[in-house]
Amino acid sequence: MLDHVIRGATVVDGTGTPAHTADVGLRDGRIAVIGNVTEDARTCEDAAGLVLAPGFVDPHTHYDAQLFWDPYATPSLNHGVTTVAGGNCGFTLAPLHPARPEDADYTRRMMSKVEGMSLVALEEGAPWNWHGFGEYLDALDGRIAVNAGFMVGHCALRRYVMGPDAIGGQPTEAQLAEMVRLLHESMEAGAWGLSTTQSSSHSDGDGKPVASRHARPAELIALSKAVGEHEGTQIEAIVAGCLDQFSDDEIDLFVEMSSVAGRPLNWNVLTIDAAVPERVPRQLEAGERARKAGGRVVALTMPILTPMNMSLGTFCALNLIPGWGPVLGLPVPERIERLRDPEVRAELLRRADSKEAGVFRRLANFGRYVIGDTYSAANEGLTGRVVKDIAAERGQDPFHCLVEICAADDLRTVLWPMPTDNDPASWALRAETWRHEDVLLGGSDAGAHLDRMCGAPYTTRFLGDCLRGRKLVGLEQAVKMLTDDPARLFGLRERGRIAEGWHADLVLFDPERIDAGKATLVHDLPGDSPRLDSKALGVRAVWVNGVETIRDDVVTGAVPGKVLRSGRDTRTVSTR
């Protein structure tokens, strides 16, 4: 007897082949039969007019902590994501040195700063009862609703071996050997491989460059070699050039890391903007050079424009603009005084529009910001208005106007920057870039920057755009890009397609309604901390390992997800 039958669905199987109508029967967590199902089933449902697709695979998240207080990985699961890759950008919650309990506090403060996670939620929502990476995975096993696999973070490896000297120091030969040993141990326990960062935008809770930023190429190469000695592993890496354009040295580093490991390396995130036409070919040069050297370098890029919630009062992307951090890090009264200084504003604008600002230059057009929530009588009626219009009424330049609005709210004003790359030329360039063999959709950062951005719904918003919006990609290809493509890059065993015998990770949706709702601020984290959330529209149901986890955008309470461990649940995707 089958556990469940989905009857008459339009099956889009993830391979890119044309959709077809079929029944799909599930048994023991697997897809048992596809076609005209006559076998008895415990339950069944009519799916006529609905699309049945493989569960979506998100290749870049930071659910490492959130899964402890939210085993459903919301809102990703609501939007059809059944498998998440975590432990990205060099940041993981393990390993932690058993003789230094203070390392857990350091890690929490680092994650709060660098990934925008609520410090209260980190302190209250996770048990912190592990030391080794395997113990961390064990703490999640059996209690999550999504499938989740994790890289091991370079920053954690460095901190474990070098202690506070991980910031600013270089490992001795013995310490490097210990780091390599610890990486081996983590991968033997199921880590998917190594993640690391050299990005200038990544600083710890003390405002210092995170540990992996101090690593020299020889250290990265030694760790990469270790990755190649384990089945089903890979590398994820971030460098400063990911934000704009790679230097030759950065490309050389990526190429060598991938080629010595014989494993794919993915990086985040390729920003596509027709106003900077030279960026895409430069960034994809890394993949071209990697192939010649026996490696593979893959760029992640988002298929939507992710809304970003900003403020002059709290840490956000504006703090990452060169020269802005010291001003925006001041106490609020002093910060307001400095921002009201015309010379300070002029210097901030100059730095924001400089080449060194990279992709953050896109944030410098303050006339295009929309005012969100306000908190003072002086700002009554400004919510939803564009700054350039208010500035024109007041006879101020846009940045001066924005500062005065925020100052009236003691800098609590919510700001929404309007994207500068929402033009037809940029969308045409995206559609062209998506077809490149070294480009993969993803980079949601779900689980991070919780009160500042909401990238998790990219799956449903992209499908809605493909079906009823710009229609840049056909449905079958769009589903393949969200399912089979990331599953094959990660070497997931029997996931990413609707095929008999494969794991029953599935999403059933209405093609006439599939989309994502507006991002709204909710207070549902431990400690009543805020985050942005987005409703899934048109998603009828989601199954993970054959068990229903979502029905009409509501979690069922089931936790059938698996911690996916390298080797056991992933196979090697060799570059050689």
Protein backbone atom coordinates (compact mmCIF):
# COMPACT_ATOMS: atom_id res chain seq x y z
CA MET A 1 0.00 0.00 0.00
CA LEU A 2 1.16 3.50 -0.82
CA ASP A 3 1.35 6.18 1.83
CA HIS A 4 -0.02 8.96 -0.37
CA VAL A 5 -1.01 9.57 -3.98
CA ILE A 6 -0.97 12.93 -5.74
CA ARG A 7 -3.39 12.49 -8.65
CA GLY A 8 -3.42 14.24 -12.00
CA ALA A 9 -0.61 16.71 -11.31
CA THR A 10 1.33 18.50 -14.00
CA VAL A 11 4.69 16.91 -13.27
CA VAL A 12 7.77 19.05 -13.91
CA ASP A 13 10.47 16.57 -12.96
CA GLY A 14 13.52 18.84 -12.64
CA THR A 15 15.40 17.52 -15.68
CA GLY A 16 14.17 20.24 -18.04
CA THR A 17 12.07 17.83 -20.10
CA PRO A 18 8.49 18.84 -21.00
CA ALA A 19 5.86 18.68 -18.29
CA HIS A 20 3.37 15.83 -18.35
CA THR A 21 0.26 14.84 -16.43
CA ALA A 22 0.65 11.90 -14.05
CA ASP A 23 -0.18 10.44 -10.67
CA VAL A 24 2.70 10.22 -8.20
CA GLY A 25 2.63 7.66 -5.39
CA LEU A 26 4.77 7.92 -2.26
CA ARG A 27 5.92 5.15 0.06
CA ASP A 28 8.47 5.03 2.89
CA GLY A 29 9.83 8.47 2.06
CA ARG A 30 10.45 7.68 -1.59
CA ILE A 31 8.70 8.21 -4.91
CA ALA A 32 7.33 4.73 -5.49
CA VAL A 33 5.49 5.14 -8.80
CA ILE A 34 4.85 7.76 -11.49
CA GLY A 35 2.07 7.31 -14.03
CA ASN A 36 -1.45 5.91 -13.73
CA VAL A 37 -1.50 4.76 -10.10
CA THR A 38 -4.01 2.03 -9.32
CA GLU A 39 -2.51 0.76 -6.07
CA ASP A 40 -4.37 1.50 -2.84
CA ALA A 41 -3.10 4.38 -0.71
CA ARG A 42 -3.71 5.54 2.83
CA THR A 43 -4.41 9.08 1.58
CA CYS A 44 -4.71 10.79 -1.79
CA GLU A 45 -5.47 14.21 -3.22
CA ASP A 46 -6.59 15.70 -6.50
CA ALA A 47 -3.86 17.87 -8.03
CA ALA A 48 -5.50 18.65 -11.38
CA GLY A 49 -4.31 22.03 -12.63
CA LEU A 50 -1.44 22.12 -10.12
CA VAL A 51 2.29 21.72 -10.78
CA LEU A 52 4.27 19.09 -8.91
CA ALA A 53 8.01 19.82 -8.83
CA PRO A 54 11.00 18.52 -6.89
CA GLY A 55 11.64 20.37 -3.66
CA PHE A 56 13.88 23.37 -4.23
CA VAL A 57 17.53 23.33 -3.15
CA ASP A 58 18.95 26.56 -1.68
CA PRO A 59 22.74 26.50 -2.12
CA HIS A 60 23.66 29.34 0.24
CA THR A 61 22.00 29.83 3.63
CA HIS A 62 22.94 30.55 7.23
CA TYR A 63 20.37 28.42 9.03
CA ASP A 64 23.12 27.03 11.32
CA ALA A 65 21.54 28.57 14.42
CA GLN A 66 17.90 29.19 13.43
CA LEU A 67 17.18 25.48 12.96
CA PHE A 68 17.46 25.03 16.73
CA TRP A 69 14.53 27.33 17.51
CA ASP A 70 12.82 27.02 14.11
CA PRO A 71 13.21 23.45 12.78
CA TYR A 72 11.05 24.44 9.79
CA ALA A 73 13.62 26.90 8.39
CA THR A 74 10.91 29.44 7.74
CA PRO A 75 10.23 31.08 5.45
CA SER A 76 12.33 28.90 3.09
CA LEU A 77 10.24 25.75 3.66
CA ASN A 78 7.03 27.71 3.00
CA HIS A 79 8.47 28.68 -0.37
CA GLY A 80 9.15 25.08 -1.38
CA VAL A 81 12.77 24.75 -0.26
CA THR A 82 13.31 21.20 1.03
CA THR A 83 17.14 21.15 1.16
CA VAL A 84 19.42 23.90 2.43
CA ALA A 85 23.19 24.27 2.34
CA GLY A 86 24.52 26.00 5.45
CA GLY A 87 27.83 26.83 7.07
CA ASN A 88 28.73 29.29 4.34
CA CYS A 89 31.17 32.22 4.18
CA GLY A 90 33.61 30.66 6.65
CA PHE A 91 31.16 30.92 9.58
CA THR A 92 29.95 27.93 11.58
CA LEU A 93 28.96 27.29 15.18
CA ALA A 94 31.40 24.37 15.42
CA PRO A 95 33.96 23.20 16.23
CA LEU A 96 34.34 24.88 19.62
CA HIS A 97 37.36 24.26 21.84
CA PRO A 98 36.29 22.37 25.01
CA ALA A 99 38.90 24.15 27.14
CA ARG A 100 37.74 27.65 26.11
CA PRO A 101 34.04 28.17 26.85
CA GLU A 102 34.52 31.84 25.97
CA ASP A 103 34.84 30.81 22.31
CA ALA A 104 31.08 30.23 22.18
CA ASP A 105 30.47 33.82 23.25
CA TYR A 106 32.98 35.05 20.68
CA THR A 107 31.21 33.02 17.99
CA ARG A 108 27.78 34.36 18.95
CA ARG A 109 28.99 37.95 18.85
CA MET A 110 30.73 37.36 15.52
CA MET A 111 27.61 35.82 13.96
CA SER A 112 25.50 38.67 15.30
CA LYS A 113 27.77 41.23 13.65
CA VAL A 114 28.80 39.56 10.41
CA GLU A 115 25.54 37.76 9.58
CA GLY A 116 23.05 40.07 11.23
CA MET A 117 21.64 37.47 13.62
CA SER A 118 19.95 38.52 16.84
CA LEU A 119 22.43 38.08 19.70
CA VAL A 120 19.57 37.34 22.11
CA ALA A 121 18.23 34.66 19.76
CA LEU A 122 21.69 33.12 19.46
CA GLU A 123 22.10 33.08 23.25
CA GLU A 124 18.62 31.81 24.11
CA GLY A 125 17.64 29.77 21.06
CA ALA A 126 20.49 27.28 20.65
CA PRO A 127 21.79 24.79 23.25
CA TRP A 128 25.52 25.27 22.57
CA ASN A 129 26.13 21.77 23.93
CA TRP A 130 28.69 20.63 21.35
CA HIS A 131 32.41 20.88 20.73
CA GLY A 132 33.23 18.82 17.64
CA PHE A 133 31.54 19.36 14.30
CA GLY A 134 30.01 15.91 14.45
CA GLU A 135 28.43 16.75 17.81
CA TYR A 136 26.91 19.86 16.24
CA LEU A 137 25.37 17.78 13.44
CA ASP A 138 24.13 15.24 16.00
CA ALA A 139 22.39 18.05 17.90
CA LEU A 140 20.28 18.77 14.80
CA ASP A 141 19.69 15.19 13.68
CA GLY A 142 16.10 14.02 14.00
CA ARG A 143 14.62 17.40 14.89
CA ILE A 144 14.48 19.40 11.64
CA ALA A 145 11.82 19.63 8.95
CA VAL A 146 14.16 20.34 6.03
CA ASN A 147 17.17 18.45 4.75
CA ALA A 148 20.32 20.35 5.70
CA GLY A 149 23.99 19.98 4.90
CA PHE A 150 26.78 22.11 6.30
CA MET A 151 30.25 23.23 5.30
CA VAL A 152 32.76 23.65 8.12
CA GLY A 153 33.84 27.26 8.56
CA HIS A 154 37.47 28.30 8.30
CA CYS A 155 36.97 30.88 11.07
CA ALA A 156 35.92 28.16 13.52
CA LEU A 157 38.88 25.96 12.54
CA ARG A 158 41.30 28.83 13.08
CA ARG A 159 39.75 29.86 16.40
CA TYR A 160 39.79 26.28 17.70
CA VAL A 161 43.49 25.80 16.92
CA MET A 162 44.91 29.31 17.45
CA GLY A 163 42.58 30.83 20.03
CA PRO A 164 42.59 34.66 20.06
CA ASP A 165 45.74 34.58 17.89
CA ALA A 166 43.45 33.54 15.01
CA ILE A 167 42.83 37.27 14.60
CA GLY A 168 45.98 38.77 13.15
CA GLY A 169 48.24 35.75 13.61
CA GLN A 170 49.76 33.15 11.32
CA PRO A 171 49.71 29.46 12.24
CA THR A 172 52.88 27.58 13.03
CA GLU A 173 53.56 24.45 11.02
CA ALA A 174 52.10 22.40 13.86
CA GLN A 175 49.01 24.60 14.10
CA LEU A 176 48.35 24.35 10.37
CA ALA A 177 48.67 20.58 10.62
CA GLU A 178 46.16 20.62 13.48
CA MET A 179 43.74 22.73 11.40
CA VAL A 180 44.00 20.23 8.57
CA ARG A 181 43.44 17.35 11.02
CA LEU A 182 40.39 19.10 12.45
CA LEU A 183 38.99 19.67 8.96
CA HIS A 184 39.48 15.97 8.17
CA GLU A 185 37.70 15.05 11.40
CA SER A 186 34.79 17.38 10.55
CA MET A 187 34.39 15.94 7.05
CA GLU A 188 34.55 12.39 8.41
CA ALA A 189 31.63 13.40 10.64
CA GLY A 190 29.69 14.68 7.63
CA ALA A 191 30.79 18.25 6.83
CA TRP A 192 30.30 19.00 3.14
CA GLY A 193 33.72 20.60 2.86
CA LEU A 194 35.36 23.95 3.59
CA SER A 195 33.92 27.46 3.56
CA THR A 196 36.11 30.53 3.92
CA THR A 197 36.09 34.29 3.50
CA GLN A 198 38.66 36.92 2.64
CA SER A 199 36.04 39.61 2.10
CA SER A 200 36.74 43.08 3.41
CA SER A 201 33.09 43.33 4.50
CA HIS A 202 33.41 40.57 7.13
CA SER A 203 34.34 41.75 10.64
CA ASP A 204 33.82 40.09 14.02
CA GLY A 205 31.96 41.32 17.08
CA ASP A 206 34.96 43.44 18.06
CA GLY A 207 35.06 45.11 14.64
CA LYS A 208 38.23 43.25 13.62
CA PRO A 209 38.67 41.27 10.39
CA VAL A 210 37.35 37.75 10.96
CA ALA A 211 39.89 34.96 11.45
CA SER A 212 39.99 33.54 7.93
CA ARG A 213 40.79 36.97 6.47
CA HIS A 214 44.25 36.64 8.01
CA ALA A 215 44.98 33.37 6.21
CA ARG A 216 47.61 33.38 3.49
CA PRO A 217 47.23 31.38 0.26
CA ALA A 218 49.39 28.48 1.50
CA GLU A 219 46.97 27.89 4.38
CA LEU A 220 43.97 27.92 2.05
CA ILE A 221 45.66 25.53 -0.35
CA ALA A 222 46.55 23.09 2.45
CA LEU A 223 42.93 23.04 3.62
CA SER A 224 41.67 22.67 0.03
CA LYS A 225 43.88 19.63 -0.50
CA ALA A 226 42.27 18.03 2.55
CA VAL A 227 38.80 18.59 1.05
CA GLY A 228 39.82 16.50 -1.97
CA GLU A 229 40.54 13.49 0.23
CA HIS A 230 36.88 12.98 1.20
CA GLU A 231 33.90 11.77 -0.78
CA GLY A 232 31.11 14.15 -1.65
CA THR A 233 32.84 17.38 -0.61
CA GLN A 234 33.37 20.84 -2.08
CA ILE A 235 34.55 24.37 -1.32
CA GLU A 236 32.70 27.66 -0.85
CA ALA A 237 34.75 30.84 -0.73
CA ILE A 238 34.33 34.60 -0.61
CA VAL A 239 36.94 37.21 -1.51
CA ALA A 240 36.77 40.98 -1.71
CA GLY A 241 36.30 40.85 -5.47
CA CYS A 242 33.03 38.96 -5.12
CA LEU A 243 31.45 42.34 -4.40
CA ASP A 244 32.49 43.86 -7.71
CA GLN A 245 35.30 42.45 -9.86
CA PHE A 246 38.03 39.93 -9.09
CA SER A 247 41.70 40.77 -9.08
CA ASP A 248 44.07 38.43 -10.93
CA ASP A 249 45.37 37.16 -7.58
CA GLU A 250 41.84 36.31 -6.44
CA ILE A 251 41.12 34.37 -9.61
CA ASP A 252 44.43 32.53 -9.24
CA LEU A 253 43.51 31.64 -5.65
CA PHE A 254 40.08 30.26 -6.58
CA VAL A 255 41.55 28.28 -9.49
CA GLU A 256 44.27 26.71 -7.34
CA MET A 257 41.94 25.91 -4.44
CA SER A 258 39.52 24.09 -6.75
CA SER A 259 42.12 22.33 -8.86
CA VAL A 260 44.22 21.00 -5.95
CA ALA A 261 41.05 19.67 -4.31
CA GLY A 262 39.57 18.35 -7.53
CA ARG A 263 36.25 19.71 -6.25
CA PRO A 264 33.87 22.49 -7.33
CA LEU A 265 34.24 25.87 -5.64
CA ASN A 266 31.22 28.19 -5.51
CA TRP A 267 31.23 31.84 -4.57
CA ASN A 268 28.56 34.39 -3.68
CA VAL A 269 27.19 36.57 -5.19
CA LEU A 270 27.39 37.64 -8.86
CA THR A 271 25.65 41.01 -9.13
CA ILE A 272 24.34 41.62 -12.65
CA ASP A 273 23.84 45.22 -13.73
CA ALA A 274 23.74 46.48 -17.32
CA ALA A 275 25.28 49.75 -16.10
CA VAL A 276 28.48 47.77 -15.35
CA PRO A 277 28.70 45.49 -18.43
CA GLU A 278 32.32 44.53 -17.77
CA ARG A 279 31.52 42.85 -14.45
CA VAL A 280 29.94 39.60 -15.67
CA PRO A 281 32.68 38.58 -18.14
CA ARG A 282 35.35 39.43 -15.61
CA GLN A 283 33.73 37.37 -12.84
CA LEU A 284 33.09 34.39 -15.11
CA GLU A 285 36.73 34.41 -16.20
CA ALA A 286 37.43 32.55 -12.94
CA GLY A 287 35.42 29.58 -14.19
CA GLU A 288 37.05 29.62 -17.61
CA ARG A 289 40.55 29.60 -16.13
CA ALA A 290 39.59 26.93 -13.59
CA ARG A 291 38.50 24.49 -16.30
CA LYS A 292 41.88 24.80 -18.01
CA ALA A 293 43.61 23.99 -14.70
CA GLY A 294 41.40 21.03 -13.83
CA GLY A 295 39.07 22.85 -11.46
CA ARG A 296 35.58 24.31 -11.50
CA VAL A 297 34.49 27.70 -10.15
CA VAL A 298 30.76 28.44 -10.04
CA ALA A 299 29.12 31.81 -9.42
CA LEU A 300 25.87 32.05 -7.46
CA THR A 301 23.46 34.76 -8.55
CA MET A 302 19.98 35.71 -7.42
CA PRO A 303 17.12 35.64 -9.97
CA ILE A 304 15.21 38.36 -8.12
CA LEU A 305 15.95 41.76 -6.64
CA THR A 306 15.96 41.14 -2.90
CA PRO A 307 14.28 43.93 -0.92
CA MET A 308 16.59 45.43 1.69
CA ASN A 309 15.50 47.13 4.88
CA MET A 310 18.02 49.77 6.01
CA SER A 311 18.52 52.27 8.76
CA LEU A 312 21.09 54.83 9.90
CA GLY A 313 20.52 53.56 13.43
CA THR A 314 21.46 49.87 13.15
CA PHE A 315 24.13 47.89 11.33
CA CYS A 316 23.25 47.35 7.67
CA ALA A 317 24.83 47.45 4.22
CA LEU A 318 25.50 51.19 4.56
CA ASN A 319 28.04 50.39 7.29
CA LEU A 320 30.03 48.39 4.71
CA ILE A 321 30.63 51.37 2.43
CA PRO A 322 34.30 52.38 2.83
CA GLY A 323 34.56 55.24 5.33
CA TRP A 324 30.99 54.93 6.58
CA GLY A 325 31.56 52.41 9.37
CA PRO A 326 33.38 54.76 11.79
CA VAL A 327 30.62 57.39 11.49
CA LEU A 328 27.68 54.98 11.70
CA GLY A 329 29.34 53.19 14.62
CA LEU A 330 29.26 56.28 16.86
CA PRO A 331 26.73 56.70 19.70
CA VAL A 332 23.44 57.99 18.27
CA PRO A 333 23.66 61.61 19.48
CA GLU A 334 27.24 61.95 18.16
CA ARG A 335 26.27 60.11 14.97
CA ILE A 336 23.45 62.59 14.30
CA GLU A 337 25.79 65.53 14.95
CA ARG A 338 28.35 64.16 12.50
CA LEU A 339 25.75 63.35 9.84
CA ARG A 340 24.41 66.91 10.07
CA ASP A 341 27.89 68.28 9.30
CA PRO A 342 27.90 69.27 5.57
CA GLU A 343 31.59 68.39 5.23
CA VAL A 344 31.04 64.92 6.73
CA ARG A 345 28.09 64.30 4.40
CA ALA A 346 30.13 65.40 1.40
CA GLU A 347 32.95 63.02 2.30
CA LEU A 348 30.54 60.14 2.88
CA LEU A 349 28.96 60.75 -0.53
CA ARG A 350 32.38 60.88 -2.17
CA ARG A 351 33.38 57.55 -0.62
CA ALA A 352 30.04 55.95 -1.49
CA ASP A 353 30.44 56.89 -5.15
CA SER A 354 34.10 55.83 -5.40
CA LYS A 355 35.41 52.74 -7.19
CA GLU A 356 36.47 51.22 -3.87
CA ALA A 357 32.81 51.05 -2.82
CA GLY A 358 32.24 48.30 -5.42
CA VAL A 359 28.63 47.14 -5.63
CA PHE A 360 27.78 49.36 -2.66
CA ARG A 361 27.90 52.30 -5.10
CA ARG A 362 24.35 51.25 -5.90
CA LEU A 363 23.30 52.49 -2.46
CA ALA A 364 24.57 56.04 -3.02
CA ASN A 365 21.52 57.37 -4.90
CA PHE A 366 19.66 58.55 -1.81
CA GLY A 367 16.98 60.32 -3.78
CA ARG A 368 15.66 56.89 -4.78
CA TYR A 369 15.14 55.70 -1.20
CA VAL A 370 11.60 55.12 0.01
CA ILE A 371 10.73 56.03 3.59
CA GLY A 372 9.40 53.07 5.58
CA ASP A 373 8.26 53.11 9.21
CA THR A 374 8.69 56.41 11.06
CA TYR A 375 8.44 57.18 14.77
CA SER A 376 8.04 60.94 15.31
CA ALA A 377 5.32 63.51 14.76
CA ALA A 378 7.72 65.43 12.52
CA ASN A 379 7.75 62.52 10.07
CA GLU A 380 4.02 61.85 10.03
CA GLY A 381 2.81 61.15 6.51
CA LEU A 382 6.24 60.38 5.05
CA THR A 383 5.90 56.57 5.03
CA GLY A 384 5.87 55.31 1.45
CA ARG A 385 7.20 58.53 -0.03
CA VAL A 386 10.36 58.85 -2.17
CA VAL A 387 13.17 60.96 -0.69
CA LYS A 388 13.81 62.98 -3.87
CA ASP A 389 10.22 64.27 -3.79
CA ILE A 390 10.46 65.25 -0.13
CA ALA A 391 13.85 66.87 -0.75
CA ALA A 392 12.44 68.94 -3.62
CA GLU A 393 9.66 70.23 -1.37
CA ARG A 394 12.17 71.17 1.34
CA GLY A 395 14.82 72.63 -0.94
CA GLN A 396 17.45 70.18 0.31
CA ASP A 397 19.75 67.76 -1.45
CA PRO A 398 18.47 64.17 -1.06
CA PHE A 399 21.11 62.94 1.40
CA HIS A 400 20.67 66.01 3.64
CA CYS A 401 16.90 65.45 3.52
CA LEU A 402 17.27 61.76 4.39
CA VAL A 403 19.53 62.58 7.35
CA GLU A 404 17.05 65.10 8.76
CA ILE A 405 14.16 62.64 8.45
CA CYS A 406 16.16 59.97 10.26
CA ALA A 407 17.43 62.40 12.90
CA ALA A 408 13.85 63.29 13.82
CA ASP A 409 13.31 59.59 14.63
CA ASP A 410 16.60 59.27 16.54
CA LEU A 411 17.81 57.29 13.48
CA ARG A 412 15.14 54.58 13.83
CA THR A 413 13.56 55.42 10.45
CA VAL A 414 13.25 52.41 8.13
CA LEU A 415 14.70 53.03 4.66
CA TRP A 416 14.00 51.03 1.50
CA PRO A 417 16.48 51.69 -1.36
CA MET A 418 14.88 51.38 -4.78
CA PRO A 419 17.03 49.13 -6.99
CA THR A 420 19.00 50.81 -9.76
CA ASP A 421 19.25 47.65 -11.86
CA ASN A 422 15.56 46.96 -12.46
CA ASP A 423 15.78 48.04 -16.09
CA PRO A 424 15.07 45.86 -19.17
CA ALA A 425 18.75 45.77 -20.15
CA SER A 426 19.76 44.35 -16.75
CA TRP A 427 17.05 41.70 -16.91
CA ALA A 428 18.12 40.72 -20.42
CA LEU A 429 21.71 40.40 -19.20
CA ARG A 430 20.52 38.23 -16.30
CA ALA A 431 18.66 35.88 -18.63
CA GLU A 432 21.76 35.54 -20.79
CA THR A 433 24.05 34.99 -17.78
CA TRP A 434 21.81 32.33 -16.22
CA ARG A 435 22.48 30.11 -19.23
CA HIS A 436 26.23 30.01 -18.56
CA GLU A 437 27.57 26.67 -17.34
CA ASP A 438 29.42 28.34 -14.44
CA VAL A 439 26.36 30.14 -13.05
CA LEU A 440 23.91 28.75 -10.49
CA LEU A 441 20.81 30.39 -9.04
CA GLY A 442 21.01 31.03 -5.30
CA GLY A 443 22.61 33.21 -2.68
CA SER A 444 19.55 33.90 -0.55
CA ASP A 445 21.51 34.24 2.72
CA ALA A 446 18.35 32.87 4.38
CA GLY A 447 18.80 32.69 8.12
CA ALA A 448 21.05 35.76 8.15
CA HIS A 449 20.55 39.55 8.11
CA LEU A 450 17.14 38.74 9.51
CA ASP A 451 15.80 42.26 10.06
CA ARG A 452 17.48 43.73 6.98
CA MET A 453 16.67 41.47 4.03
CA CYS A 454 14.50 38.53 3.06
CA GLY A 455 16.06 36.46 0.29
CA ALA A 456 14.43 33.13 1.17
CA PRO A 457 11.36 33.62 -1.10
CA TYR A 458 13.46 33.86 -4.28
CA THR A 459 12.12 30.49 -5.44
CA THR A 460 8.43 31.37 -5.60
CA ARG A 461 9.02 34.94 -6.75
CA PHE A 462 11.23 33.69 -9.59
CA LEU A 463 8.65 31.09 -10.69
CA GLY A 464 5.88 33.68 -10.59
CA ASP A 465 7.98 35.98 -12.77
CA CYS A 466 8.70 33.13 -15.20
CA LEU A 467 5.04 32.16 -15.48
CA ARG A 468 3.25 35.50 -15.41
CA GLY A 469 5.86 38.28 -15.42
CA ARG A 470 8.91 38.80 -17.62
CA LYS A 471 8.86 35.13 -18.71
CA LEU A 472 12.63 35.10 -19.19
CA VAL A 473 12.79 31.33 -18.61
CA GLY A 474 10.27 28.57 -19.33
CA LEU A 475 8.72 26.67 -16.44
CA GLU A 476 10.61 23.42 -17.00
CA GLN A 477 13.97 25.15 -17.19
CA ALA A 478 13.18 27.39 -14.22
CA VAL A 479 12.37 24.36 -12.06
CA LYS A 480 15.57 22.64 -13.20
CA MET A 481 17.57 25.71 -12.16
CA LEU A 482 16.06 25.55 -8.66
CA THR A 483 16.30 21.78 -8.17
CA ASP A 484 18.46 19.51 -10.28
CA ASP A 485 21.19 22.06 -11.03
CA PRO A 486 22.13 22.73 -7.37
CA ALA A 487 21.56 19.08 -6.46
CA ARG A 488 24.03 17.95 -9.11
CA LEU A 489 26.63 20.57 -8.09
CA PHE A 490 26.48 19.32 -4.51
CA GLY A 491 26.35 15.66 -5.56
CA LEU A 492 23.12 15.04 -3.63
CA ARG A 493 22.20 11.39 -3.80
CA GLU A 494 18.74 10.80 -5.33
CA ARG A 495 17.44 14.30 -4.69
CA GLY A 496 16.54 17.14 -7.05
CA ARG A 497 14.32 15.21 -9.48
CA ILE A 498 10.95 13.48 -9.54
CA ALA A 499 12.05 9.95 -10.38
CA GLU A 500 10.97 6.55 -9.16
CA GLY A 501 13.06 5.43 -6.21
CA TRP A 502 14.27 8.93 -5.40
CA HIS A 503 13.58 10.73 -2.12
CA ALA A 504 10.12 12.28 -2.05
CA ASP A 505 11.08 15.94 -1.62
CA LEU A 506 8.23 17.67 -3.46
CA VAL A 507 6.38 20.97 -3.83
CA LEU A 508 2.85 21.26 -5.22
CA PHE A 509 1.84 24.72 -6.42
CA ASP A 510 -0.75 26.65 -8.39
CA PRO A 511 0.91 28.11 -11.51
CA GLU A 512 -1.68 30.87 -11.61
CA ARG A 513 -0.79 32.10 -8.12
CA ILE A 514 2.77 31.05 -7.30
CA ASP A 515 4.60 34.08 -5.87
CA ALA A 516 5.93 35.62 -2.67
CA GLY A 517 4.15 38.19 -0.55
CA LYS A 518 5.58 41.51 0.56
CA ALA A 519 8.36 41.32 3.16
CA THR A 520 7.04 42.38 6.56
CA LEU A 521 8.73 42.75 9.93
CA VAL A 522 7.63 40.24 12.56
CA HIS A 523 8.83 39.63 16.12
CA ASP A 524 8.97 35.86 16.47
CA LEU A 525 12.61 35.10 17.29
CA PRO A 526 13.76 34.15 20.80
CA GLY A 527 13.79 37.26 22.95
CA ASP A 528 11.07 38.82 20.76
CA SER A 529 13.76 39.84 18.26
CA PRO A 530 12.55 41.00 14.83
CA ARG A 531 13.03 39.51 11.38
CA LEU A 532 11.60 40.01 7.91
CA ASP A 533 9.14 37.38 6.72
CA SER A 534 7.25 36.79 3.48
CA LYS A 535 4.16 34.70 2.84
CA ALA A 536 4.22 32.03 0.16
CA LEU A 537 1.43 32.43 -2.36
CA GLY A 538 0.04 29.54 -4.37
CA VAL A 539 2.01 26.78 -2.61
CA ARG A 540 -0.49 24.00 -1.89
CA ALA A 541 1.85 21.59 -0.10
CA VAL A 542 5.47 20.65 0.53
CA TRP A 543 6.76 17.16 1.33
CA VAL A 544 10.16 16.33 2.78
CA ASN A 545 11.17 12.68 2.59
CA GLY A 546 7.56 11.81 1.80
CA VAL A 547 6.07 13.59 4.82
CA GLU A 548 3.86 16.66 4.46
CA THR A 549 5.55 19.64 6.12
CA ILE A 550 3.57 22.56 4.65
CA ARG A 551 -0.09 22.79 3.73
CA ASP A 552 -1.38 26.11 2.38
CA ASP A 553 1.57 28.08 3.84
CA VAL A 554 1.15 26.58 7.33
CA VAL A 555 3.71 24.21 8.88
CA THR A 556 2.28 20.84 9.86
CA GLY A 557 4.64 20.27 12.79
CA ALA A 558 6.32 17.24 11.24
CA VAL A 559 10.12 17.10 11.31
CA PRO A 560 11.11 14.52 8.67
CA GLY A 561 14.21 16.36 7.48
CA LYS A 562 17.65 14.77 7.42
CA VAL A 563 21.07 16.12 8.28
CA LEU A 564 22.81 15.33 4.99
CA ARG A 565 26.35 14.12 5.60
CA SER A 566 29.09 14.09 3.01
CA GLY A 567 29.80 10.70 1.49
CA ARG A 568 26.69 9.06 2.88
CA ASP A 569 24.25 11.56 1.35
CA THR A 570 26.50 13.21 -1.25
CA ARG A 571 28.71 11.75 -3.95
CA THR A 572 31.89 13.29 -5.30
CA VAL A 573 31.50 15.76 -8.13
CA SER A 574 35.02 15.63 -9.53
CA THR A 575 36.51 18.42 -11.62
CA ARG A 576 39.14 16.17 -13.18
